Amino acid sequence: MRLDKFLAEASVGTRKTVRTYVKEGKVIVNDQVIVEPAVQIDPIADVVKYLSKEVIHTGKLYYMFHKPAGCITARKDAKSKTVLDYFENVNINGLFPVGRLDKDTEGLLFLTNDGDFNHQLMCPEKHVEKKYFFWAFGALHSEDKKRLETGICIGEDETLTKPAKIEVLKEGMYHELKNEMDIGKFINKKKNLYEQSVISGYLTISEGRKHQVKRMLKAVGCYVVYLKRISIGGIMLDKSLEKGEYRVVTEQEIQKLIENQGCIGSWQDEEAGINRN
């Protein structure tokens, strides 16, 4: 195993940061300073130390997190609370979020120390489906749905979006559905919304452009006021997780991702070492 990979999976830091540590001479293998991140080591037989402290290889870590609105998808931020601030009882040194959710968006987010996992789920060429629940002001006509399903322009100099899936759950007027929407904190209460049309539903996409769901719906005249990601690659957000809570991704869920995507062969490597603690 490469030394930098070993250190990243031991939560010493991200793959990028541990390479710096190695080059700075902060890592010792079997009493010898190593300055080449790509050097091969035996994770069982070799003794690795970082800043004179022995490093224990924990293996790859995968967490499912129910992101609440109001925190940002980042490792750290000087002004705002981040998703990693919720991981109080976990060594977060090597963890990072897989993809992004907007600050005001809730729902499913994976965190890991596995770069391959991140690549396989977020790489556009993999076409991994991500399903979102939304409430929006506006209405969707048959032609609007067709545009969403076949590809739509959401910005200048951008290609059409890949085909999406749209499922409408409820349509009506704001005064009829406001009690179900529970979005008071997201809207301007001074605005007269009594006769405003509203809609809820699911939009499933296989890309990850910036603000994509909001921009797609805006392109057909719908203004999103609530958004929640409920699944990635067929893995649903655990309903038992309250906002701000997390748990380890199970082996069965990993296997389901492998079977559904057919593109995550690297997870089947014996050195994957999925940590279930």
C-alpha atoms as a PDB file:
ATOM      1  CA  MET A   1       0.000   0.000   0.000  1.00  0.00           C
ATOM      2  CA  ARG A   2       1.206   3.534  -0.755  1.00  0.00           C
ATOM      3  CA  LEU A   3       2.294   5.487   2.296  1.00  0.00           C
ATOM      4  CA  ASP A   4       0.047   8.470   1.554  1.00  0.00           C
ATOM      5  CA  LYS A   5      -2.945   6.175   1.154  1.00  0.00           C
ATOM      6  CA  PHE A   6      -2.140   4.463   4.450  1.00  0.00           C
ATOM      7  CA  LEU A   7      -1.947   7.813   6.260  1.00  0.00           C
ATOM      8  CA  ALA A   8      -5.178   9.100   4.723  1.00  0.00           C
ATOM      9  CA  GLU A   9      -7.069   5.945   5.668  1.00  0.00           C
ATOM     10  CA  ALA A  10      -5.677   6.259   9.198  1.00  0.00           C
ATOM     11  CA  SER A  11      -7.302   9.718   9.425  1.00  0.00           C
ATOM     12  CA  VAL A  12      -4.002  11.564   9.678  1.00  0.00           C
ATOM     13  CA  GLY A  13      -5.312  13.921   7.003  1.00  0.00           C
ATOM     14  CA  THR A  14      -6.598  14.059   3.467  1.00  0.00           C
ATOM     15  CA  ARG A  15      -4.547  12.438   0.711  1.00  0.00           C
ATOM     16  CA  LYS A  16      -3.295  15.897  -0.285  1.00  0.00           C
ATOM     17  CA  THR A  17      -2.294  17.014   3.215  1.00  0.00           C
ATOM     18  CA  VAL A  18      -0.513  13.794   4.157  1.00  0.00           C
ATOM     19  CA  ARG A  19       1.647  14.065   1.052  1.00  0.00           C
ATOM     20  CA  THR A  20       2.838  17.407   2.393  1.00  0.00           C
ATOM     21  CA  TYR A  21       3.516  15.872   5.806  1.00  0.00           C
ATOM     22  CA  VAL A  22       5.636  13.166   4.197  1.00  0.00           C
ATOM     23  CA  LYS A  23       7.631  15.607   2.060  1.00  0.00           C
ATOM     24  CA  GLU A  24       8.278  17.718   5.169  1.00  0.00           C
ATOM     25  CA  GLY A  25       9.884  14.728   6.885  1.00  0.00           C
ATOM     26  CA  LYS A  26       7.182  14.309   9.509  1.00  0.00           C
ATOM     27  CA  VAL A  27       6.620  10.612   8.817  1.00  0.00           C
ATOM     28  CA  ILE A  28       8.844   7.745   9.928  1.00  0.00           C
ATOM     29  CA  VAL A  29       8.588   4.143   8.735  1.00  0.00           C
ATOM     30  CA  ASN A  30      10.510   1.535  10.728  1.00  0.00           C
ATOM     31  CA  ASP A  31      12.702   4.248  12.313  1.00  0.00           C
ATOM     32  CA  GLN A  32      13.534   5.780   8.932  1.00  0.00           C
ATOM     33  CA  VAL A  33      12.330   9.182   7.740  1.00  0.00           C
ATOM     34  CA  ILE A  34      10.466   8.811   4.452  1.00  0.00           C
ATOM     35  CA  VAL A  35       9.963  11.795   2.148  1.00  0.00           C
ATOM     36  CA  GLU A  36       8.347  10.039  -0.818  1.00  0.00           C
ATOM     37  CA  PRO A  37       4.532   9.725  -0.473  1.00  0.00           C
ATOM     38  CA  ALA A  38       4.327   6.948  -3.073  1.00  0.00           C
ATOM     39  CA  VAL A  39       6.658   4.555  -1.272  1.00  0.00           C
ATOM     40  CA  GLN A  40       5.098   1.139  -0.704  1.00  0.00           C
ATOM     41  CA  ILE A  41       4.652  -0.140   2.851  1.00  0.00           C
ATOM     42  CA  ASP A  42       3.156  -3.169   4.555  1.00  0.00           C
ATOM     43  CA  PRO A  43       0.199  -1.836   6.606  1.00  0.00           C
ATOM     44  CA  ILE A  44       0.452  -4.790   8.984  1.00  0.00           C
ATOM     45  CA  ALA A  45       4.165  -5.404   9.408  1.00  0.00           C
ATOM     46  CA  ASP A  46       5.603  -1.885   9.134  1.00  0.00           C
ATOM     47  CA  VAL A  47       5.579   0.620  12.005  1.00  0.00           C
ATOM     48  CA  VAL A  48       4.531   4.067  10.814  1.00  0.00           C
ATOM     49  CA  LYS A  49       4.822   7.192  12.947  1.00  0.00           C
ATOM     50  CA  TYR A  50       3.611  10.728  12.362  1.00  0.00           C
ATOM     51  CA  LEU A  51       5.197  13.394  14.576  1.00  0.00           C
ATOM     52  CA  SER A  52       6.706  10.551  16.646  1.00  0.00           C
ATOM     53  CA  LYS A  53       3.301   9.015  17.369  1.00  0.00           C
ATOM     54  CA  GLU A  54       2.463   5.582  15.975  1.00  0.00           C
ATOM     55  CA  VAL A  55      -0.261   5.621  13.323  1.00  0.00           C
ATOM     56  CA  ILE A  56      -2.967   2.950  13.468  1.00  0.00           C
ATOM     57  CA  HIS A  57      -4.512   2.035  10.147  1.00  0.00           C
ATOM     58  CA  THR A  58      -8.306   2.237  10.587  1.00  0.00           C
ATOM     59  CA  GLY A  59      -9.175   1.449   6.999  1.00  0.00           C
ATOM     60  CA  LYS A  60     -11.675   3.240   4.815  1.00  0.00           C
ATOM     61  CA  LEU A  61     -14.517   5.021   6.572  1.00  0.00           C
ATOM     62  CA  TYR A  62     -17.987   5.726   5.200  1.00  0.00           C
ATOM     63  CA  TYR A  63     -20.651   7.745   6.994  1.00  0.00           C
ATOM     64  CA  MET A  64     -24.225   8.634   6.118  1.00  0.00           C
ATOM     65  CA  PHE A  65     -25.182  12.090   7.387  1.00  0.00           C
ATOM     66  CA  HIS A  66     -28.546  13.845   7.537  1.00  0.00           C
ATOM     67  CA  LYS A  67     -27.495  17.373   6.679  1.00  0.00           C
ATOM     68  CA  PRO A  68     -29.659  20.106   8.191  1.00  0.00           C
ATOM     69  CA  ALA A  69     -30.204  23.465   6.525  1.00  0.00           C
ATOM     70  CA  GLY A  70     -27.921  26.243   7.725  1.00  0.00           C
ATOM     71  CA  CYS A  71     -24.551  24.474   7.602  1.00  0.00           C
ATOM     72  CA  ILE A  72     -22.150  24.412   4.681  1.00  0.00           C
ATOM     73  CA  THR A  73     -20.646  21.411   2.952  1.00  0.00           C
ATOM     74  CA  ALA A  74     -16.989  21.940   3.781  1.00  0.00           C
ATOM     75  CA  ARG A  75     -14.315  20.629   6.124  1.00  0.00           C
ATOM     76  CA  LYS A  76     -13.910  23.965   7.900  1.00  0.00           C
ATOM     77  CA  ASP A  77     -15.046  27.552   7.645  1.00  0.00           C
ATOM     78  CA  ALA A  78     -14.192  30.659   9.627  1.00  0.00           C
ATOM     79  CA  LYS A  79     -17.752  32.033   9.656  1.00  0.00           C
ATOM     80  CA  SER A  80     -20.262  29.206   9.228  1.00  0.00           C
ATOM     81  CA  LYS A  81     -20.908  25.854  10.853  1.00  0.00           C
ATOM     82  CA  THR A  82     -19.824  22.978   8.632  1.00  0.00           C
ATOM     83  CA  VAL A  83     -21.108  19.443   8.244  1.00  0.00           C
ATOM     84  CA  LEU A  84     -18.015  18.115   9.989  1.00  0.00           C
ATOM     85  CA  ASP A  85     -18.801  20.157  13.093  1.00  0.00           C
ATOM     86  CA  TYR A  86     -21.550  17.607  13.794  1.00  0.00           C
ATOM     87  CA  PHE A  87     -19.041  14.729  14.023  1.00  0.00           C
ATOM     88  CA  GLU A  88     -18.100  15.291  17.647  1.00  0.00           C
ATOM     89  CA  ASN A  89     -17.075  11.725  18.510  1.00  0.00           C
ATOM     90  CA  VAL A  90     -15.184  10.936  15.315  1.00  0.00           C
ATOM     91  CA  ASN A  91     -11.602  11.570  14.248  1.00  0.00           C
ATOM     92  CA  ILE A  92     -12.342  13.855  11.305  1.00  0.00           C
ATOM     93  CA  ASN A  93      -8.762  14.494  10.145  1.00  0.00           C
ATOM     94  CA  GLY A  94      -9.090  12.432   6.979  1.00  0.00           C
ATOM     95  CA  LEU A  95     -12.818  12.790   6.401  1.00  0.00           C
ATOM     96  CA  PHE A  96     -14.349  14.906   3.666  1.00  0.00           C
ATOM     97  CA  PRO A  97     -17.870  15.281   2.227  1.00  0.00           C
ATOM     98  CA  VAL A  98     -18.744  13.469  -0.991  1.00  0.00           C
ATOM     99  CA  GLY A  99     -20.100  16.140  -3.280  1.00  0.00           C
ATOM    100  CA  ARG A 100     -21.970  19.184  -2.018  1.00  0.00           C
ATOM    101  CA  LEU A 101     -25.349  20.354  -0.814  1.00  0.00           C
ATOM    102  CA  ASP A 102     -26.261  24.032  -0.719  1.00  0.00           C
ATOM    103  CA  LYS A 103     -26.369  25.715   2.674  1.00  0.00           C
ATOM    104  CA  ASP A 104     -30.172  25.799   2.670  1.00  0.00           C
ATOM    105  CA  THR A 105     -30.559  22.244   1.321  1.00  0.00           C
ATOM    106  CA  GLU A 106     -31.151  19.295   3.629  1.00  0.00           C
ATOM    107  CA  GLY A 107     -30.763  15.573   3.288  1.00  0.00           C
ATOM    108  CA  LEU A 108     -28.400  12.763   2.424  1.00  0.00           C
ATOM    109  CA  LEU A 109     -24.670  13.402   2.398  1.00  0.00           C
ATOM    110  CA  PHE A 110     -21.887  10.839   2.522  1.00  0.00           C
ATOM    111  CA  LEU A 111     -18.559  11.531   4.236  1.00  0.00           C
ATOM    112  CA  THR A 112     -15.497   9.374   3.762  1.00  0.00           C
ATOM    113  CA  ASN A 113     -11.720   9.188   3.690  1.00  0.00           C
ATOM    114  CA  ASP A 114     -11.816   7.220   0.429  1.00  0.00           C
ATOM    115  CA  GLY A 115     -10.995   9.227  -2.677  1.00  0.00           C
ATOM    116  CA  ASP A 116     -12.128   6.438  -5.009  1.00  0.00           C
ATOM    117  CA  PHE A 117     -15.558   6.412  -3.353  1.00  0.00           C
ATOM    118  CA  ASN A 118     -15.861  10.142  -3.956  1.00  0.00           C
ATOM    119  CA  HIS A 119     -14.819   9.813  -7.588  1.00  0.00           C
ATOM    120  CA  GLN A 120     -17.178   6.959  -8.371  1.00  0.00           C
ATOM    121  CA  LEU A 121     -20.216   8.725  -6.917  1.00  0.00           C
ATOM    122  CA  MET A 122     -19.529  12.246  -8.151  1.00  0.00           C
ATOM    123  CA  CYS A 123     -17.845  11.734 -11.526  1.00  0.00           C
ATOM    124  CA  PRO A 124     -20.320  12.934 -14.217  1.00  0.00           C
ATOM    125  CA  GLU A 125     -19.405  10.010 -16.483  1.00  0.00           C
ATOM    126  CA  LYS A 126     -20.707   7.549 -13.875  1.00  0.00           C
ATOM    127  CA  HIS A 127     -24.300   8.859 -14.139  1.00  0.00           C
ATOM    128  CA  VAL A 128     -25.061   8.122 -10.483  1.00  0.00           C
ATOM    129  CA  GLU A 129     -28.648   9.128  -9.770  1.00  0.00           C
ATOM    130  CA  LYS A 130     -29.459  11.589  -6.993  1.00  0.00           C
ATOM    131  CA  LYS A 131     -33.084  12.051  -5.968  1.00  0.00           C
ATOM    132  CA  TYR A 132     -34.440  15.251  -4.424  1.00  0.00           C
ATOM    133  CA  PHE A 133     -37.748  16.194  -2.814  1.00  0.00           C
ATOM    134  CA  PHE A 134     -38.847  19.784  -3.380  1.00  0.00           C
ATOM    135  CA  TRP A 135     -41.492  22.382  -2.686  1.00  0.00           C
ATOM    136  CA  ALA A 136     -41.686  25.222  -5.175  1.00  0.00           C
ATOM    137  CA  PHE A 137     -43.851  28.158  -6.126  1.00  0.00           C
ATOM    138  CA  GLY A 138     -45.180  27.731  -9.623  1.00  0.00           C
ATOM    139  CA  ALA A 139     -46.740  24.994 -11.730  1.00  0.00           C
ATOM    140  CA  LEU A 140     -45.524  22.285 -14.075  1.00  0.00           C
ATOM    141  CA  HIS A 141     -47.309  21.694 -17.348  1.00  0.00           C
ATOM    142  CA  SER A 142     -46.818  18.635 -19.542  1.00  0.00           C
ATOM    143  CA  GLU A 143     -44.384  20.492 -21.797  1.00  0.00           C
ATOM    144  CA  ASP A 144     -42.353  21.610 -18.768  1.00  0.00           C
ATOM    145  CA  LYS A 145     -42.093  18.021 -17.538  1.00  0.00           C
ATOM    146  CA  LYS A 146     -40.963  16.883 -20.969  1.00  0.00           C
ATOM    147  CA  ARG A 147     -38.215  19.506 -21.033  1.00  0.00           C
ATOM    148  CA  LEU A 148     -36.971  18.381 -17.628  1.00  0.00           C
ATOM    149  CA  GLU A 149     -37.050  14.741 -18.696  1.00  0.00           C
ATOM    150  CA  THR A 150     -35.243  15.220 -22.004  1.00  0.00           C
ATOM    151  CA  GLY A 151     -32.750  17.981 -21.142  1.00  0.00           C
ATOM    152  CA  ILE A 152     -33.034  21.675 -20.485  1.00  0.00           C
ATOM    153  CA  CYS A 153     -30.850  24.770 -20.773  1.00  0.00           C
ATOM    154  CA  ILE A 154     -30.014  26.223 -17.354  1.00  0.00           C
ATOM    155  CA  GLY A 155     -27.302  28.697 -18.283  1.00  0.00           C
ATOM    156  CA  GLU A 156     -25.448  30.380 -21.096  1.00  0.00           C
ATOM    157  CA  ASP A 157     -22.521  28.436 -22.533  1.00  0.00           C
ATOM    158  CA  GLU A 158     -23.756  25.269 -20.784  1.00  0.00           C
ATOM    159  CA  THR A 159     -24.844  22.076 -22.461  1.00  0.00           C
ATOM    160  CA  LEU A 160     -28.358  20.802 -21.916  1.00  0.00           C
ATOM    161  CA  THR A 161     -28.846  18.872 -18.705  1.00  0.00           C
ATOM    162  CA  LYS A 162     -28.889  15.105 -18.930  1.00  0.00           C
ATOM    163  CA  PRO A 163     -32.339  13.470 -18.966  1.00  0.00           C
ATOM    164  CA  ALA A 164     -34.003  13.651 -15.546  1.00  0.00           C
ATOM    165  CA  LYS A 165     -36.989  12.060 -13.850  1.00  0.00           C
ATOM    166  CA  ILE A 166     -39.816  14.222 -12.504  1.00  0.00           C
ATOM    167  CA  GLU A 167     -42.629  13.004 -10.267  1.00  0.00           C
ATOM    168  CA  VAL A 168     -45.267  15.474  -9.108  1.00  0.00           C
ATOM    169  CA  LEU A 169     -46.773  14.760  -5.694  1.00  0.00           C
ATOM    170  CA  LYS A 170     -49.037  17.719  -4.934  1.00  0.00           C
ATOM    171  CA  GLU A 171     -50.270  20.768  -6.806  1.00  0.00           C
ATOM    172  CA  GLY A 172     -52.521  23.542  -5.584  1.00  0.00           C
ATOM    173  CA  MET A 173     -52.677  27.003  -4.114  1.00  0.00           C
ATOM    174  CA  TYR A 174     -50.480  28.196  -1.273  1.00  0.00           C
ATOM    175  CA  HIS A 175     -53.405  28.783   1.097  1.00  0.00           C
ATOM    176  CA  GLU A 176     -54.513  25.169   0.523  1.00  0.00           C
ATOM    177  CA  LEU A 177     -51.120  23.533   1.116  1.00  0.00           C
ATOM    178  CA  LYS A 178     -49.218  25.926   3.374  1.00  0.00           C
ATOM    179  CA  ASN A 179     -49.713  23.724   6.458  1.00  0.00           C
ATOM    180  CA  GLU A 180     -48.090  20.804   4.652  1.00  0.00           C
ATOM    181  CA  MET A 181     -45.223  22.863   3.281  1.00  0.00           C
ATOM    182  CA  ASP A 182     -43.734  23.928   6.636  1.00  0.00           C
ATOM    183  CA  ILE A 183     -41.443  26.397   4.881  1.00  0.00           C
ATOM    184  CA  GLY A 184     -42.171  29.562   6.823  1.00  0.00           C
ATOM    185  CA  LYS A 185     -38.501  30.240   7.539  1.00  0.00           C
ATOM    186  CA  PHE A 186     -37.623  30.026   3.834  1.00  0.00           C
ATOM    187  CA  ILE A 187     -40.011  32.615   2.441  1.00  0.00           C
ATOM    188  CA  ASN A 188     -40.756  36.306   2.689  1.00  0.00           C
ATOM    189  CA  LYS A 189     -43.883  36.461   4.834  1.00  0.00           C
ATOM    190  CA  LYS A 190     -44.609  40.023   3.720  1.00  0.00           C
ATOM    191  CA  LYS A 191     -45.329  38.837   0.207  1.00  0.00           C
ATOM    192  CA  ASN A 192     -48.955  38.047  -0.636  1.00  0.00           C
ATOM    193  CA  LEU A 193     -48.879  34.319  -1.340  1.00  0.00           C
ATOM    194  CA  TYR A 194     -52.523  33.438  -0.773  1.00  0.00           C
ATOM    195  CA  GLU A 195     -53.313  32.802  -4.456  1.00  0.00           C
ATOM    196  CA  GLN A 196     -49.825  31.646  -5.412  1.00  0.00           C
ATOM    197  CA  SER A 197     -49.667  28.204  -7.026  1.00  0.00           C
ATOM    198  CA  VAL A 198     -47.343  25.692  -5.373  1.00  0.00           C
ATOM    199  CA  ILE A 199     -46.054  22.251  -6.262  1.00  0.00           C
ATOM    200  CA  SER A 200     -44.141  19.425  -4.596  1.00  0.00           C
ATOM    201  CA  GLY A 201     -42.445  16.415  -6.083  1.00  0.00           C
ATOM    202  CA  TYR A 202     -39.269  14.471  -6.750  1.00  0.00           C
ATOM    203  CA  LEU A 203     -36.587  15.354  -9.265  1.00  0.00           C
ATOM    204  CA  THR A 204     -33.906  12.761 -10.008  1.00  0.00           C
ATOM    205  CA  ILE A 205     -30.731  13.847 -11.787  1.00  0.00           C
ATOM    206  CA  SER A 206     -27.471  12.136 -12.720  1.00  0.00           C
ATOM    207  CA  GLU A 207     -25.216  15.192 -12.690  1.00  0.00           C
ATOM    208  CA  GLY A 208     -23.921  17.578 -10.056  1.00  0.00           C
ATOM    209  CA  ARG A 209     -23.842  21.073 -11.498  1.00  0.00           C
ATOM    210  CA  LYS A 210     -23.960  24.019  -9.126  1.00  0.00           C
ATOM    211  CA  HIS A 211     -27.516  24.638  -7.836  1.00  0.00           C
ATOM    212  CA  GLN A 212     -28.691  22.258 -10.558  1.00  0.00           C
ATOM    213  CA  VAL A 213     -32.102  21.254  -9.203  1.00  0.00           C
ATOM    214  CA  LYS A 214     -33.028  24.851  -8.390  1.00  0.00           C
ATOM    215  CA  ARG A 215     -31.860  26.043 -11.800  1.00  0.00           C
ATOM    216  CA  MET A 216     -33.693  23.295 -13.677  1.00  0.00           C
ATOM    217  CA  LEU A 217     -36.967  24.063 -11.956  1.00  0.00           C
ATOM    218  CA  LYS A 218     -36.436  27.798 -12.352  1.00  0.00           C
ATOM    219  CA  ALA A 219     -36.016  27.241 -16.090  1.00  0.00           C
ATOM    220  CA  VAL A 220     -39.622  25.977 -16.206  1.00  0.00           C
ATOM    221  CA  GLY A 221     -40.999  28.749 -14.001  1.00  0.00           C
ATOM    222  CA  CYS A 222     -40.789  27.117 -10.562  1.00  0.00           C
ATOM    223  CA  TYR A 223     -39.047  28.806  -7.628  1.00  0.00           C
ATOM    224  CA  VAL A 224     -37.725  26.250  -5.138  1.00  0.00           C
ATOM    225  CA  VAL A 225     -38.314  27.126  -1.486  1.00  0.00           C
ATOM    226  CA  TYR A 226     -37.428  23.774   0.087  1.00  0.00           C
ATOM    227  CA  LEU A 227     -35.041  21.084  -1.118  1.00  0.00           C
ATOM    228  CA  LYS A 228     -33.962  17.779   0.384  1.00  0.00           C
ATOM    229  CA  ARG A 229     -31.806  15.033  -1.131  1.00  0.00           C
ATOM    230  CA  ILE A 230     -33.300  11.687  -0.245  1.00  0.00           C
ATOM    231  CA  SER A 231     -31.128   9.186  -2.115  1.00  0.00           C
ATOM    232  CA  ILE A 232     -27.846   8.661  -3.957  1.00  0.00           C
ATOM    233  CA  GLY A 233     -27.271   5.675  -6.217  1.00  0.00           C
ATOM    234  CA  GLY A 234     -30.295   3.873  -4.833  1.00  0.00           C
ATOM    235  CA  ILE A 235     -29.256   4.330  -1.193  1.00  0.00           C
ATOM    236  CA  MET A 236     -31.993   6.124   0.726  1.00  0.00           C
ATOM    237  CA  LEU A 237     -31.462   8.528   3.596  1.00  0.00           C
ATOM    238  CA  ASP A 238     -32.041   6.551   6.789  1.00  0.00           C
ATOM    239  CA  LYS A 239     -35.397   7.734   8.160  1.00  0.00           C
ATOM    240  CA  SER A 240     -34.204   7.101  11.714  1.00  0.00           C
ATOM    241  CA  LEU A 241     -31.513   9.772  11.380  1.00  0.00           C
ATOM    242  CA  GLU A 242     -32.608  13.130  12.739  1.00  0.00           C
ATOM    243  CA  LYS A 243     -31.163  16.265  11.175  1.00  0.00           C
ATOM    244  CA  GLY A 244     -27.513  16.551  12.191  1.00  0.00           C
ATOM    245  CA  GLU A 245     -27.153  12.832  12.979  1.00  0.00           C
ATOM    246  CA  TYR A 246     -24.930  10.293  11.228  1.00  0.00           C
ATOM    247  CA  ARG A 247     -24.160   6.597  11.124  1.00  0.00           C
ATOM    248  CA  VAL A 248     -21.749   4.211   9.415  1.00  0.00           C
ATOM    249  CA  VAL A 249     -22.709   3.081   5.919  1.00  0.00           C
ATOM    250  CA  THR A 250     -23.436  -0.648   6.067  1.00  0.00           C
ATOM    251  CA  GLU A 251     -21.735  -3.319   3.995  1.00  0.00           C
ATOM    252  CA  GLN A 252     -25.111  -4.109   2.415  1.00  0.00           C
ATOM    253  CA  GLU A 253     -25.462  -0.498   1.279  1.00  0.00           C
ATOM    254  CA  ILE A 254     -21.968  -0.566  -0.199  1.00  0.00           C
ATOM    255  CA  GLN A 255     -22.851  -3.784  -2.007  1.00  0.00           C
ATOM    256  CA  LYS A 256     -26.062  -2.227  -3.331  1.00  0.00           C
ATOM    257  CA  LEU A 257     -24.096   0.677  -4.761  1.00  0.00           C
ATOM    258  CA  ILE A 258     -21.707  -1.761  -6.424  1.00  0.00           C
ATOM    259  CA  GLU A 259     -24.550  -3.752  -7.960  1.00  0.00           C
ATOM    260  CA  ASN A 260     -26.546  -0.717  -9.062  1.00  0.00           C
ATOM    261  CA  GLN A 261     -23.685   1.221 -10.589  1.00  0.00           C
ATOM    262  CA  GLY A 262     -21.531  -1.606 -11.877  1.00  0.00           C
ATOM    263  CA  CYS A 263     -18.578   0.775 -11.777  1.00  0.00           C
ATOM    264  CA  ILE A 264     -17.174   0.634  -8.286  1.00  0.00           C
ATOM    265  CA  GLY A 265     -14.874  -2.338  -8.626  1.00  0.00           C
ATOM    266  CA  SER A 266     -12.154  -0.715  -6.548  1.00  0.00           C
ATOM    267  CA  TRP A 267     -14.316  -1.205  -3.458  1.00  0.00           C
ATOM    268  CA  GLN A 268     -14.025  -4.954  -3.942  1.00  0.00           C
ATOM    269  CA  ASP A 269     -10.273  -4.851  -3.414  1.00  0.00           C
ATOM    270  CA  GLU A 270      -9.191  -6.783  -0.337  1.00  0.00           C
ATOM    271  CA  GLU A 271      -7.502  -3.732   1.113  1.00  0.00           C
ATOM    272  CA  ALA A 272     -10.790  -1.779   1.137  1.00  0.00           C
ATOM    273  CA  GLY A 273     -11.031  -2.484   4.866  1.00  0.00           C
ATOM    274  CA  ILE A 274     -14.552  -1.101   5.436  1.00  0.00           C
ATOM    275  CA  ASN A 275     -14.704   0.088   9.022  1.00  0.00           C
ATOM    276  CA  ARG A 276     -17.959  -0.789  10.796  1.00  0.00           C
ATOM    277  CA  ASN A 277     -17.088   0.453  14.266  1.00  0.00           C
END
